[in-house]
C-alpha atoms as a PDB file:
ATOM      1  CA  UNK A   1     -19.675  47.715 -77.049  1.00  0.00           C
ATOM      2  CA  UNK A   2     -16.273  46.689 -74.916  1.00  0.00           C
ATOM      3  CA  UNK A   3     -17.441  43.260 -75.457  1.00  0.00           C
ATOM      4  CA  UNK A   4     -18.258  43.089 -78.714  1.00  0.00           C
ATOM      5  CA  UNK A   5     -14.288  44.381 -79.473  1.00  0.00           C
ATOM      6  CA  UNK A   6     -12.988  42.155 -77.206  1.00  0.00           C
ATOM      7  CA  UNK A   7     -14.648  39.135 -79.271  1.00  0.00           C
ATOM      8  CA  UNK A   8     -13.748  40.719 -82.386  1.00  0.00           C
ATOM      9  CA  UNK A   9      -9.925  40.861 -81.263  1.00  0.00           C
ATOM     10  CA  UNK A  10     -10.122  37.331 -80.243  1.00  0.00           C
ATOM     11  CA  UNK A  11     -12.193  35.935 -83.073  1.00  0.00           C
ATOM     12  CA  UNK A  12      -9.139  38.183 -85.308  1.00  0.00           C
ATOM     13  CA  UNK A  13      -6.266  36.699 -83.167  1.00  0.00           C
ATOM     14  CA  UNK A  14      -8.027  32.998 -83.784  1.00  0.00           C
ATOM     15  CA  UNK A  15      -8.378  33.415 -87.658  1.00  0.00           C
ATOM     16  CA  UNK A  16      -4.731  34.613 -88.096  1.00  0.00           C
ATOM     17  CA  UNK A  17      -3.743  31.954 -85.741  1.00  0.00           C
ATOM     18  CA  UNK A  18      -5.393  29.281 -88.118  1.00  0.00           C
ATOM     19  CA  UNK A  19      -3.502  30.465 -91.248  1.00  0.00           C
ATOM     20  CA  UNK A  20      -0.269  29.055 -89.896  1.00  0.00           C
ATOM     21  CA  UNK A  21      -1.804  25.384 -89.463  1.00  0.00           C
ATOM     22  CA  UNK A  22      -0.537  23.832 -92.556  1.00  0.00           C
ATOM     23  CA  UNK A  23      -2.713  21.361 -95.057  1.00  0.00           C
ATOM     24  CA  UNK A  24      -1.450  18.604 -97.425  1.00  0.00           C
ATOM     25  CA  UNK A  25      -1.915  19.329-100.653  1.00  0.00           C
ATOM     26  CA  UNK A  26      -2.276  17.095-103.286  1.00  0.00           C
ATOM     27  CA  UNK A  27      -0.273  18.016-105.823  1.00  0.00           C
ATOM     28  CA  UNK A  28       1.905  16.246-108.284  1.00  0.00           C
ATOM     29  CA  UNK A  29       3.231  16.830-112.041  1.00  0.00           C
ATOM     30  CA  UNK A  30       3.608  13.036-112.134  1.00  0.00           C
ATOM     31  CA  UNK A  31       1.103  10.790-114.556  1.00  0.00           C
ATOM     32  CA  UNK A  32       1.167   7.446-113.283  1.00  0.00           C
ATOM     33  CA  UNK A  33       0.881   4.295-115.791  1.00  0.00           C
ATOM     34  CA  UNK A  34      -1.996   3.410-113.840  1.00  0.00           C
ATOM     35  CA  UNK A  35      -3.804   6.711-114.604  1.00  0.00           C
ATOM     36  CA  UNK A  36      -7.460   6.334-116.386  1.00  0.00           C
ATOM     37  CA  UNK A  37      -6.027   7.907-119.320  1.00  0.00           C
ATOM     38  CA  UNK A  38      -2.891   5.489-119.648  1.00  0.00           C
ATOM     39  CA  UNK A  39      -5.108   2.534-118.845  1.00  0.00           C
ATOM     40  CA  UNK A  40      -7.362   3.300-121.377  1.00  0.00           C
ATOM     41  CA  UNK A  41      -7.040   4.824-124.664  1.00  0.00           C
ATOM     42  CA  UNK A  42      -9.841   7.340-124.526  1.00  0.00           C
ATOM     43  CA  UNK A  43     -10.273  10.033-127.196  1.00  0.00           C
ATOM     44  CA  UNK A  44      -8.536  13.544-126.425  1.00  0.00           C
ATOM     45  CA  UNK A  45     -11.931  15.089-126.181  1.00  0.00           C
ATOM     46  CA  UNK A  46     -12.815  12.537-123.011  1.00  0.00           C
ATOM     47  CA  UNK A  47      -9.466  13.054-121.558  1.00  0.00           C
ATOM     48  CA  UNK A  48      -9.915  16.631-121.603  1.00  0.00           C
ATOM     49  CA  UNK A  49     -13.513  16.667-120.085  1.00  0.00           C
ATOM     50  CA  UNK A  50     -12.357  14.143-117.391  1.00  0.00           C
ATOM     51  CA  UNK A  51      -9.514  16.307-116.554  1.00  0.00           C
ATOM     52  CA  UNK A  52     -11.363  19.526-116.704  1.00  0.00           C
ATOM     53  CA  UNK A  53     -14.511  18.248-114.710  1.00  0.00           C
ATOM     54  CA  UNK A  54     -13.493  15.197-112.573  1.00  0.00           C
ATOM     55  CA  UNK A  55      -9.211  15.225-111.658  1.00  0.00           C
ATOM     56  CA  UNK A  56      -9.463  18.203-109.008  1.00  0.00           C
ATOM     57  CA  UNK A  57     -11.091  15.909-106.705  1.00  0.00           C
ATOM     58  CA  UNK A  58     -10.472  12.610-108.336  1.00  0.00           C
ATOM     59  CA  UNK A  59      -6.828  12.237-109.021  1.00  0.00           C
ATOM     60  CA  UNK A  60      -3.292  12.752-107.522  1.00  0.00           C
ATOM     61  CA  UNK A  61      -2.856  16.469-109.560  1.00  0.00           C
ATOM     62  CA  UNK A  62      -5.407  18.850-107.621  1.00  0.00           C
ATOM     63  CA  UNK A  63      -5.184  22.231-109.199  1.00  0.00           C
ATOM     64  CA  UNK A  64      -5.902  24.552-106.405  1.00  0.00           C
ATOM     65  CA  UNK A  65      -7.550  28.029-106.737  1.00  0.00           C
ATOM     66  CA  UNK A  66      -6.363  30.981-105.012  1.00  0.00           C
ATOM     67  CA  UNK A  67      -8.481  30.786-101.910  1.00  0.00           C
ATOM     68  CA  UNK A  68      -7.033  27.581-100.936  1.00  0.00           C
ATOM     69  CA  UNK A  69      -4.370  29.126 -98.659  1.00  0.00           C
ATOM     70  CA  UNK A  70      -7.183  30.843 -96.662  1.00  0.00           C
ATOM     71  CA  UNK A  71      -8.155  28.567 -93.498  1.00  0.00           C
ATOM     72  CA  UNK A  72     -10.530  27.160 -92.717  1.00  0.00           C
ATOM     73  CA  UNK A  73     -11.400  26.813 -96.775  1.00  0.00           C
ATOM     74  CA  UNK A  74      -8.143  25.197 -97.036  1.00  0.00           C
ATOM     75  CA  UNK A  75      -9.635  22.058 -94.661  1.00  0.00           C
ATOM     76  CA  UNK A  76     -12.612  21.801 -96.422  1.00  0.00           C
ATOM     77  CA  UNK A  77     -10.994  21.435 -99.555  1.00  0.00           C
ATOM     78  CA  UNK A  78      -8.546  18.719 -98.207  1.00  0.00           C
ATOM     79  CA  UNK A  79     -11.209  16.754 -96.753  1.00  0.00           C
ATOM     80  CA  UNK A  80     -13.423  17.132 -99.829  1.00  0.00           C
ATOM     81  CA  UNK A  81     -10.440  15.811-102.094  1.00  0.00           C
ATOM     82  CA  UNK A  82      -9.419  13.076 -99.551  1.00  0.00           C
ATOM     83  CA  UNK A  83     -12.808  11.472 -99.567  1.00  0.00           C
ATOM     84  CA  UNK A  84     -13.311  12.086-103.610  1.00  0.00           C
ATOM     85  CA  UNK A  85     -10.228  10.184-104.167  1.00  0.00           C
ATOM     86  CA  UNK A  86     -11.178   7.874-101.586  1.00  0.00           C
ATOM     87  CA  UNK A  87     -14.418   7.084-103.666  1.00  0.00           C
ATOM     88  CA  UNK A  88     -12.522   7.110-107.132  1.00  0.00           C
ATOM     89  CA  UNK A  89      -8.959   7.944-108.024  1.00  0.00           C
ATOM     90  CA  UNK A  90      -8.586   8.363-111.358  1.00  0.00           C
ATOM     91  CA  UNK A  91      -4.491   8.200-111.247  1.00  0.00           C
ATOM     92  CA  UNK A  92      -4.874   4.938-109.386  1.00  0.00           C
ATOM     93  CA  UNK A  93      -7.322   3.197-111.902  1.00  0.00           C
ATOM     94  CA  UNK A  94      -5.235   0.972-113.476  1.00  0.00           C
ATOM     95  CA  UNK A  95      -4.405  -0.579-109.647  1.00  0.00           C
ATOM     96  CA  UNK A  96      -8.196  -1.371-109.172  1.00  0.00           C
ATOM     97  CA  UNK A  97      -9.376  -4.762-109.652  1.00  0.00           C
ATOM     98  CA  UNK A  98     -10.976  -5.461-113.093  1.00  0.00           C
ATOM     99  CA  UNK A  99     -13.937  -6.167-110.947  1.00  0.00           C
ATOM    100  CA  UNK A 100     -13.919  -2.851-109.270  1.00  0.00           C
ATOM    101  CA  UNK A 101     -13.348  -1.006-112.579  1.00  0.00           C
ATOM    102  CA  UNK A 102     -16.406  -2.235-114.047  1.00  0.00           C
ATOM    103  CA  UNK A 103     -18.003  -0.947-110.710  1.00  0.00           C
ATOM    104  CA  UNK A 104     -16.613   2.268-110.903  1.00  0.00           C
ATOM    105  CA  UNK A 105     -17.534   2.972-114.431  1.00  0.00           C
ATOM    106  CA  UNK A 106     -21.212   1.771-113.708  1.00  0.00           C
ATOM    107  CA  UNK A 107     -21.243   4.306-111.090  1.00  0.00           C
ATOM    108  CA  UNK A 108     -19.860   6.819-113.274  1.00  0.00           C
ATOM    109  CA  UNK A 109     -22.164   6.596-115.598  1.00  0.00           C
ATOM    110  CA  UNK A 110     -25.015   6.784-113.535  1.00  0.00           C
ATOM    111  CA  UNK A 111     -23.747   9.837-111.680  1.00  0.00           C
ATOM    112  CA  UNK A 112     -23.333  11.534-114.651  1.00  0.00           C
ATOM    113  CA  UNK A 113     -26.895  10.438-116.329  1.00  0.00           C
ATOM    114  CA  UNK A 114     -28.439  11.422-112.822  1.00  0.00           C
ATOM    115  CA  UNK A 115     -26.472  14.842-112.745  1.00  0.00           C
ATOM    116  CA  UNK A 116     -24.739  13.955-109.288  1.00  0.00           C
ATOM    117  CA  UNK A 117     -21.352  14.869-110.733  1.00  0.00           C
ATOM    118  CA  UNK A 118     -19.578  16.755-110.738  1.00  0.00           C
ATOM    119  CA  UNK A 119     -21.057  18.085-107.495  1.00  0.00           C
ATOM    120  CA  UNK A 120     -23.297  21.254-107.937  1.00  0.00           C
ATOM    121  CA  UNK A 121     -21.195  22.975-105.194  1.00  0.00           C
ATOM    122  CA  UNK A 122     -17.839  22.532-107.549  1.00  0.00           C
ATOM    123  CA  UNK A 123     -19.926  23.532-110.370  1.00  0.00           C
ATOM    124  CA  UNK A 124     -21.090  26.623-109.045  1.00  0.00           C
ATOM    125  CA  UNK A 125     -17.367  27.820-108.669  1.00  0.00           C
ATOM    126  CA  UNK A 126     -16.087  26.352-111.488  1.00  0.00           C
ATOM    127  CA  UNK A 127     -18.367  27.099-114.482  1.00  0.00           C
ATOM    128  CA  UNK A 128     -16.011  25.312-116.694  1.00  0.00           C
ATOM    129  CA  UNK A 129     -16.781  21.783-115.192  1.00  0.00           C
ATOM    130  CA  UNK A 130     -20.415  21.804-116.072  1.00  0.00           C
ATOM    131  CA  UNK A 131     -21.063  18.939-118.542  1.00  0.00           C
ATOM    132  CA  UNK A 132     -23.158  20.009-121.719  1.00  0.00           C
ATOM    133  CA  UNK A 133     -25.503  16.960-123.180  1.00  0.00           C
ATOM    134  CA  UNK A 134     -23.203  16.484-125.521  1.00  0.00           C
ATOM    135  CA  UNK A 135     -20.612  16.079-122.969  1.00  0.00           C
ATOM    136  CA  UNK A 136     -22.530  13.351-120.935  1.00  0.00           C
ATOM    137  CA  UNK A 137     -23.626  11.399-123.774  1.00  0.00           C
ATOM    138  CA  UNK A 138     -19.502  11.138-124.835  1.00  0.00           C
ATOM    139  CA  UNK A 139     -18.545  10.162-121.385  1.00  0.00           C
ATOM    140  CA  UNK A 140     -21.355   7.598-120.770  1.00  0.00           C
ATOM    141  CA  UNK A 141     -20.972   5.812-124.143  1.00  0.00           C
ATOM    142  CA  UNK A 142     -17.445   5.803-123.738  1.00  0.00           C
ATOM    143  CA  UNK A 143     -17.669   4.306-120.163  1.00  0.00           C
ATOM    144  CA  UNK A 144     -20.045   1.811-120.868  1.00  0.00           C
ATOM    145  CA  UNK A 145     -18.081   0.782-124.051  1.00  0.00           C
ATOM    146  CA  UNK A 146     -14.661   0.403-121.475  1.00  0.00           C
ATOM    147  CA  UNK A 147     -17.508  -1.302-118.778  1.00  0.00           C
ATOM    148  CA  UNK A 148     -18.387  -3.867-121.788  1.00  0.00           C
ATOM    149  CA  UNK A 149     -14.871  -4.622-122.885  1.00  0.00           C
ATOM    150  CA  UNK A 150     -13.265  -5.734-119.219  1.00  0.00           C
END
């Protein structure tokens, strides 16, 4: 019984201690001129869908949930956002070469069609990020037209 109490005590100290380790936050109120929604004049509806379902992981403007201040959850979220932005950053989309923009648009179409994005783990917690069939069609058609226009 003493061993269990010691393990729980040490575990509690470690848990409290890791709360003091800061994480980098991906938040900015700036909307850059290179932002996807500024580079491409898409409908307000498409802008809203992208911001709601994509921007938290794929832009410089993450809207963090309350639980992001709890470690180790914060580390997981930060790693996830960093990886997401490395793959696609809507805030920097205008800086991509035409070739890369076409490639990203094609990839976005395929991932939406195959229900790979938004991620299932993200949709589980963010129910409002789920894309309806109509939203998927609208996004894929918009991305296809943009790709063809480049």
